[in-house]
N, C-alpha and C. Protein backbone atom coordinates (compact mmCIF):
# COMPACT_ATOMS: atom_id res chain seq x y z
N MET A 1 78.51 135.22 79.02
CA MET A 1 77.88 134.37 79.50
C MET A 1 78.88 135.37 81.26
N LYS A 2 77.41 135.90 81.80
CA LYS A 2 78.40 136.27 82.69
C LYS A 2 77.86 135.55 83.80
N VAL A 3 78.43 135.23 84.72
CA VAL A 3 79.02 134.33 86.29
C VAL A 3 78.44 135.22 87.61
N ALA A 4 76.60 135.37 87.91
CA ALA A 4 77.02 136.14 89.02
C ALA A 4 77.09 135.66 90.22
N LEU A 5 78.40 135.75 90.47
CA LEU A 5 78.95 135.62 92.49
C LEU A 5 79.08 136.64 93.37
N GLU A 6 78.46 136.22 94.38
CA GLU A 6 79.01 136.55 95.64
C GLU A 6 80.08 137.57 95.59
N SER A 7 80.56 138.51 96.76
CA SER A 7 80.94 138.59 97.04
C SER A 7 82.49 138.97 97.35
N GLU A 8 82.24 137.66 98.36
CA GLU A 8 83.00 136.67 98.74
C GLU A 8 83.77 135.52 98.41
N VAL A 9 82.52 134.65 96.91
CA VAL A 9 82.76 133.94 96.28
C VAL A 9 85.99 134.28 95.89
N LEU A 10 84.95 135.47 95.34
CA LEU A 10 86.98 135.49 95.18
C LEU A 10 87.73 135.37 95.85
N PRO A 11 87.81 136.09 97.09
CA PRO A 11 88.51 136.39 98.36
C PRO A 11 88.83 135.09 99.66
N LEU A 12 87.34 134.06 98.96
CA LEU A 12 87.67 132.34 99.65
C LEU A 12 88.11 131.32 97.84
N PHE A 13 88.32 131.95 97.95
CA PHE A 13 88.36 130.79 96.60
C PHE A 13 89.58 131.06 96.68
N LEU A 14 90.55 132.62 97.01
CA LEU A 14 92.33 132.94 96.95
C LEU A 14 92.76 131.34 98.06
N ALA A 15 92.01 131.78 98.95
CA ALA A 15 92.81 131.01 100.39
C ALA A 15 92.39 130.19 100.63
N GLY A 16 91.80 129.30 100.63
CA GLY A 16 91.19 128.03 99.51
C GLY A 16 92.67 127.53 98.82
N VAL A 17 92.44 128.20 97.94
CA VAL A 17 93.67 127.56 96.75
C VAL A 17 95.33 127.60 97.70
N LEU A 18 95.90 129.31 99.10
CA LEU A 18 96.44 129.36 99.13
C LEU A 18 96.52 128.52 100.22
N LEU A 19 95.69 128.14 100.86
CA LEU A 19 96.14 127.56 101.67
C LEU A 19 96.18 125.06 101.57
N VAL A 20 95.91 125.43 100.81
CA VAL A 20 96.15 123.53 100.14
C VAL A 20 97.33 123.76 99.35
N VAL A 21 97.77 124.66 98.65
CA VAL A 21 98.70 124.29 97.98
C VAL A 21 99.93 124.65 98.77
N LEU A 22 99.89 125.79 100.49
CA LEU A 22 100.33 125.48 101.47
C LEU A 22 101.27 124.67 101.83
N VAL A 23 100.02 124.28 102.33
CA VAL A 23 99.86 121.84 102.77
C VAL A 23 100.66 121.31 101.86
N GLU A 24 100.13 121.82 100.81
CA GLU A 24 100.96 120.48 99.98
C GLU A 24 102.32 120.57 100.02
N LEU A 25 102.82 121.70 100.04
CA LEU A 25 104.11 122.60 99.95
C LEU A 25 104.79 121.93 100.88
N ILE A 26 104.92 121.95 102.27
CA ILE A 26 104.68 121.68 103.77
C ILE A 26 105.01 120.41 104.04
N PHE A 27 103.74 119.41 103.72
CA PHE A 27 103.92 117.55 104.05
C PHE A 27 105.69 117.75 102.47
N SER A 28 104.88 117.88 101.37
CA SER A 28 105.95 117.09 100.49
C SER A 28 106.85 117.19 100.97
N MET A 29 107.74 119.21 100.99
CA MET A 29 108.96 118.80 102.05
C MET A 29 108.91 118.88 103.03
N LEU A 30 109.14 117.92 103.49
CA LEU A 30 109.33 117.35 105.62
C LEU A 30 109.29 115.36 105.38
N VAL A 31 108.10 115.55 104.00
CA VAL A 31 108.71 114.11 103.61
C VAL A 31 109.68 113.61 102.56
N LEU A 32 110.27 114.35 101.42
CA LEU A 32 111.15 114.40 100.47
C LEU A 32 111.99 114.91 100.83
N ARG A 33 112.40 114.91 102.91
CA ARG A 33 114.06 116.15 103.07
C ARG A 33 114.53 115.37 102.54
N ARG A 34 115.31 114.04 101.80
CA ARG A 34 117.06 113.66 102.14
C ARG A 34 116.20 113.63 100.21
N ARG A 35 115.45 113.38 99.33
CA ARG A 35 115.23 113.61 98.27
C ARG A 35 115.34 115.19 97.39
N THR A 36 116.51 115.45 96.21
CA THR A 36 116.45 116.42 95.90
C THR A 36 115.63 116.29 94.82
N ALA A 37 116.15 115.28 94.02
CA ALA A 37 115.14 115.88 92.93
C ALA A 37 114.00 115.29 93.35
N GLY A 38 113.16 114.69 94.70
CA GLY A 38 111.64 114.27 94.11
C GLY A 38 110.78 115.82 94.45
N ARG A 39 112.00 116.24 95.54
CA ARG A 39 112.02 118.04 96.17
C ARG A 39 111.32 118.79 94.90
N ARG A 40 112.84 118.77 93.86
CA ARG A 40 112.31 119.62 93.07
C ARG A 40 111.05 120.43 92.35
N MET A 41 110.70 118.14 91.88
CA MET A 41 109.77 118.16 91.52
C MET A 41 107.76 118.78 92.54
N MET A 42 108.46 117.99 92.90
CA MET A 42 106.98 119.32 93.87
C MET A 42 106.70 120.71 94.57
N VAL A 43 109.02 121.06 94.08
CA VAL A 43 108.49 122.74 93.93
C VAL A 43 108.11 123.04 92.44
N GLY A 44 108.33 122.27 91.70
CA GLY A 44 108.09 122.85 89.79
C GLY A 44 106.09 122.49 89.16
N HIS A 45 105.78 121.40 90.52
CA HIS A 45 104.64 121.06 90.79
C HIS A 45 103.28 122.63 90.82
N VAL A 46 104.30 122.77 92.74
CA VAL A 46 103.23 123.18 93.31
C VAL A 46 103.44 124.95 92.26
N ILE A 47 104.76 125.42 91.85
CA ILE A 47 104.22 126.17 91.11
C ILE A 47 103.48 126.30 89.67
N CYS A 48 103.65 125.67 89.52
CA CYS A 48 101.95 124.81 88.23
C CYS A 48 101.24 125.55 88.36
N LEU A 49 100.43 124.49 89.81
CA LEU A 49 99.35 124.13 89.86
C LEU A 49 98.36 126.26 90.41
N LEU A 50 100.06 126.72 91.15
CA LEU A 50 99.05 128.51 91.39
C LEU A 50 99.22 128.52 89.87
N ILE A 51 99.94 128.87 88.59
CA ILE A 51 99.67 128.81 87.63
C ILE A 51 98.18 128.65 87.04
N THR A 52 97.54 127.23 87.09
CA THR A 52 96.47 127.14 87.07
C THR A 52 95.58 127.63 88.00
N CYS A 53 95.69 127.41 88.90
CA CYS A 53 94.63 128.11 89.73
C CYS A 53 94.69 129.78 89.34
N PHE A 54 95.18 130.22 89.18
CA PHE A 54 95.32 131.92 88.78
C PHE A 54 94.22 131.70 87.97
N CYS A 55 94.35 130.52 86.06
CA CYS A 55 93.49 131.39 85.54
C CYS A 55 92.28 130.90 85.37
N LEU A 56 92.12 129.95 86.05
CA LEU A 56 90.36 129.43 87.04
C LEU A 56 89.81 130.20 87.19
N GLY A 57 90.34 130.57 88.13
CA GLY A 57 89.52 132.16 89.14
C GLY A 57 89.32 133.70 88.35
N PHE A 58 90.28 133.56 86.58
CA PHE A 58 90.56 134.91 86.86
C PHE A 58 89.74 134.66 85.59
N LEU A 59 89.52 132.98 84.95
CA LEU A 59 88.49 133.15 84.48
C LEU A 59 86.81 132.91 84.29
N LEU A 60 86.48 132.85 86.06
CA LEU A 60 85.22 132.37 86.36
C LEU A 60 85.26 133.80 86.95
N PHE A 61 86.24 134.47 87.64
CA PHE A 61 85.47 135.06 88.82
C PHE A 61 85.70 136.81 87.90
N ILE A 62 86.35 136.93 87.04
CA ILE A 62 86.49 138.09 86.17
C ILE A 62 86.49 138.59 85.25
N PRO A 63 84.65 138.90 85.52
CA PRO A 63 85.05 138.90 83.48
C PRO A 63 84.43 140.33 83.26
N ARG A 64 85.15 140.26 81.84
CA ARG A 64 85.82 141.06 81.15
C ARG A 64 85.03 141.43 79.64
N PRO A 65 83.94 142.19 80.25
CA PRO A 65 82.67 142.22 79.02
C PRO A 65 83.36 143.28 78.33
N THR A 66 83.27 143.02 76.29
CA THR A 66 83.00 143.96 75.21
C THR A 66 81.97 145.03 75.18
N SER A 67 82.25 145.89 74.10
CA SER A 67 81.70 147.19 74.18
C SER A 67 80.24 146.71 73.98
N ASP A 68 80.24 145.58 73.99
CA ASP A 68 78.21 145.30 72.51
C ASP A 68 78.05 144.62 74.24
N GLY A 69 78.49 144.73 75.45
CA GLY A 69 78.18 143.82 76.22
C GLY A 69 78.30 142.57 76.51
N ASP A 70 79.14 142.60 75.21
CA ASP A 70 79.14 140.33 75.59
C ASP A 70 80.61 139.83 76.43
N VAL A 71 80.74 138.78 77.06
CA VAL A 71 81.94 139.51 77.69
C VAL A 71 83.07 137.92 77.35
N ARG A 72 84.10 138.54 76.87
CA ARG A 72 85.43 138.06 75.54
C ARG A 72 85.67 136.76 75.85
N ASN A 73 86.32 136.23 75.16
CA ASN A 73 86.96 134.94 75.21
C ASN A 73 87.70 134.08 75.66
N GLY A 74 88.38 134.04 77.29
CA GLY A 74 89.47 133.89 77.20
C GLY A 74 90.05 132.53 76.88
N SER A 75 90.60 131.95 75.46
CA SER A 75 90.66 131.02 75.07
C SER A 75 91.71 130.63 75.11
N GLY A 76 92.88 132.32 75.53
CA GLY A 76 94.00 132.10 75.61
C GLY A 76 94.81 132.21 76.86
N LEU A 77 94.17 132.18 78.25
CA LEU A 77 93.98 131.66 80.03
C LEU A 77 93.98 130.29 79.61
N PHE A 78 92.41 129.67 79.04
CA PHE A 78 92.62 128.78 78.84
C PHE A 78 93.10 127.02 78.63
N ALA A 79 94.03 127.85 77.06
CA ALA A 79 95.51 127.02 77.06
C ALA A 79 96.04 126.96 78.21
N LEU A 80 96.44 128.77 78.18
CA LEU A 80 98.10 128.57 79.66
C LEU A 80 97.29 128.08 80.66
N PHE A 81 95.79 127.98 81.23
CA PHE A 81 95.23 126.36 82.53
C PHE A 81 95.37 124.77 81.83
N GLY A 82 95.03 124.41 80.14
CA GLY A 82 95.53 123.41 79.62
C GLY A 82 96.94 122.89 81.12
N ILE A 83 98.09 123.87 79.75
CA ILE A 83 99.76 123.46 79.77
C ILE A 83 99.28 123.65 80.48
N SER A 84 99.27 124.35 82.05
CA SER A 84 99.95 124.51 83.07
C SER A 84 99.31 123.71 84.36
N TRP A 85 98.55 123.02 84.25
CA TRP A 85 97.93 122.28 84.52
C TRP A 85 98.81 120.38 84.07
N ALA A 86 98.95 120.19 82.97
CA ALA A 86 99.58 119.46 82.70
C ALA A 86 100.64 119.37 82.55
N LEU A 87 101.68 120.18 83.25
CA LEU A 87 103.14 120.30 83.96
C LEU A 87 102.45 120.29 85.15
N SER A 88 102.25 120.77 86.24
CA SER A 88 101.81 120.16 87.51
C SER A 88 101.86 118.84 87.33
N GLU A 89 100.77 117.58 86.34
CA GLU A 89 101.00 116.23 87.26
C GLU A 89 102.02 115.69 86.33
N ILE A 90 102.64 116.32 84.47
CA ILE A 90 104.05 115.94 85.41
C ILE A 90 105.10 115.65 85.41
N PHE A 91 105.11 116.80 86.66
CA PHE A 91 105.70 117.18 87.80
C PHE A 91 105.60 116.52 88.73
N VAL A 92 104.31 116.04 89.58
CA VAL A 92 104.07 114.53 89.86
C VAL A 92 104.46 113.79 89.59
N LEU A 93 103.94 113.12 88.40
CA LEU A 93 104.63 112.35 88.14
C LEU A 93 106.39 111.65 88.20
N SER A 94 107.03 112.62 88.09
CA SER A 94 108.18 112.42 87.91
C SER A 94 108.77 112.81 88.87
N ALA A 95 108.01 112.73 90.08
CA ALA A 95 108.67 112.96 91.46
C ALA A 95 108.57 111.86 92.93
N VAL A 96 106.92 111.10 91.83
CA VAL A 96 106.76 109.90 92.25
C VAL A 96 107.53 108.80 92.19
N SER A 97 107.37 109.06 90.59
CA SER A 97 109.01 108.04 90.06
C SER A 97 110.00 107.58 90.20
N ALA A 98 110.91 109.11 90.77
CA ALA A 98 112.44 109.90 91.18
C ALA A 98 112.52 109.40 92.97
N VAL A 99 111.14 109.03 93.60
CA VAL A 99 111.08 108.37 94.52
C VAL A 99 110.88 107.11 94.86
N MET A 100 110.76 106.45 94.17
CA MET A 100 110.53 104.94 93.57
C MET A 100 111.71 104.55 93.13
N VAL A 101 112.45 105.07 91.51
CA VAL A 101 113.57 104.30 91.51
C VAL A 101 114.77 104.75 92.64
N ARG A 102 115.04 105.73 93.77
CA ARG A 102 115.65 106.04 94.53
C ARG A 102 115.29 104.68 95.81
N GLY A 103 114.11 104.43 95.55
CA GLY A 103 114.14 103.45 97.52
C GLY A 103 114.32 102.26 96.81
N LYS A 104 114.29 102.05 94.78
CA LYS A 104 114.67 101.30 94.45
C LYS A 104 115.80 100.84 94.87
N LYS A 105 116.84 101.60 95.15
CA LYS A 105 118.62 101.32 94.66
C LYS A 105 118.18 101.47 95.90
N GLU A 106 118.04 101.89 97.09
CA GLU A 106 118.49 102.04 97.88
C GLU A 106 118.77 100.80 99.55
N ARG A 107 117.35 100.18 98.26
CA ARG A 107 116.60 98.51 98.67
C ARG A 107 117.41 97.59 98.81
N GLU A 108 117.94 97.24 97.46
CA GLU A 108 119.06 97.06 96.70
C GLU A 108 120.79 96.93 97.00
N GLU A 109 121.20 98.28 98.08
CA GLU A 109 122.42 98.26 98.14
C GLU A 109 122.43 98.04 100.05
N LYS A 110 121.20 97.83 100.66
CA LYS A 110 120.74 97.24 101.56
C LYS A 110 120.91 95.64 101.49
N ARG A 111 120.75 94.97 100.53
CA ARG A 111 120.57 93.80 100.58
C ARG A 111 122.47 92.91 100.20
N GLU A 112 122.54 94.27 99.33
CA GLU A 112 124.13 93.91 99.12
C GLU A 112 125.40 93.67 100.10
N GLU A 113 124.34 95.16 100.87
CA GLU A 113 126.04 94.86 101.83
C GLU A 113 125.25 93.55 103.10
N GLN A 114 124.07 93.85 103.23
CA GLN A 114 123.71 92.23 104.51
C GLN A 114 124.61 91.34 103.15
N ARG A 115 124.71 91.51 102.07
CA ARG A 115 124.99 89.64 101.62
C ARG A 115 125.99 89.38 102.24
N PRO A 116 127.43 90.53 102.07
CA PRO A 116 128.60 89.69 103.07
C PRO A 116 128.21 89.46 104.53
N ALA A 117 128.29 89.65 104.73
CA ALA A 117 128.29 89.46 106.10
C ALA A 117 127.14 88.14 106.10
N ALA A 118 126.21 87.55 105.84
CA ALA A 118 125.96 86.22 105.75
C ALA A 118 126.63 84.89 105.29
N ALA A 119 127.77 85.60 103.72
CA ALA A 119 128.58 85.06 103.57
C ALA A 119 129.64 84.53 104.96
N GLU A 120 130.06 85.58 105.62
CA GLU A 120 131.83 85.83 106.11
C GLU A 120 130.46 84.47 107.42
N VAL A 121 129.57 84.66 108.02
CA VAL A 121 129.16 83.35 109.01
C VAL A 121 129.24 82.05 108.38
N SER A 122 128.81 81.98 107.07
CA SER A 122 128.32 80.53 106.00
C SER A 122 130.57 80.08 105.84
N ALA A 123 130.58 81.63 106.07
CA ALA A 123 132.27 80.90 105.97
C ALA A 123 133.00 80.39 106.65
N VAL A 124 132.61 80.69 108.02
CA VAL A 124 133.49 79.85 109.46
C VAL A 124 132.23 78.16 109.17
N PRO A 125 134.14 77.50 109.62
CA PRO A 125 134.05 76.55 109.37
C PRO A 125 133.27 75.98 110.66
N ALA A 126 132.24 74.46 110.31
CA ALA A 126 131.75 73.59 112.13
C ALA A 126 132.82 72.72 112.19
N VAL A 127 132.74 73.25 113.00
CA VAL A 127 133.63 71.86 114.06
C VAL A 127 132.78 71.20 114.64
N SER A 128 132.56 69.82 113.99
CA SER A 128 132.04 68.42 114.92
C SER A 128 131.53 68.12 116.18
N LEU A 129 130.45 67.84 117.04
CA LEU A 129 130.79 67.37 118.71
C LEU A 129 132.83 66.29 118.21
N GLU A 130 132.52 65.44 117.92
CA GLU A 130 133.76 64.34 118.14
C GLU A 130 134.95 65.58 118.48
N GLU A 131 135.34 67.01 117.10
CA GLU A 131 135.90 67.38 117.27
C GLU A 131 137.21 68.79 118.46
N SER A 132 135.20 68.29 118.70
CA SER A 132 135.51 69.38 120.60
C SER A 132 135.34 68.47 121.01
N GLU A 133 135.71 67.50 121.04
CA GLU A 133 135.66 65.91 122.72
C GLU A 133 137.47 66.14 122.82
N MET A 134 137.35 66.06 121.78
CA MET A 134 138.91 65.23 121.22
C MET A 134 140.23 66.77 121.87
N LYS A 135 140.10 67.93 122.06
CA LYS A 135 140.18 68.94 122.63
C LYS A 135 139.75 68.99 123.73
């Protein structure tokens, strides 16, 4: 199976992939600047996504004809494509869960910090109006 594509398609595909991945990497680094575990997972996602797009681009745009004129089956590249795509999604889910767990812990810590302050305020003895008039 040969796919007839114009010569500009491959460079446009590569430029588009690199642009999207670069924007995703910059955005995730800015959003996750204080969450190192989430950042590491997003870098893993970007690396796996680049491998995935490389495999897809190679399969789509660079046919490798055999001696009989047929295009070779790139089953190894299909396998690498699937594995790297799955790893990419696992990295994204891990980053999201790391951010959610850390966010939940931070909210609980803030609540614990606020509770003693509220307890101290209520621990102050109330002075009745009659007692204050007596003084």
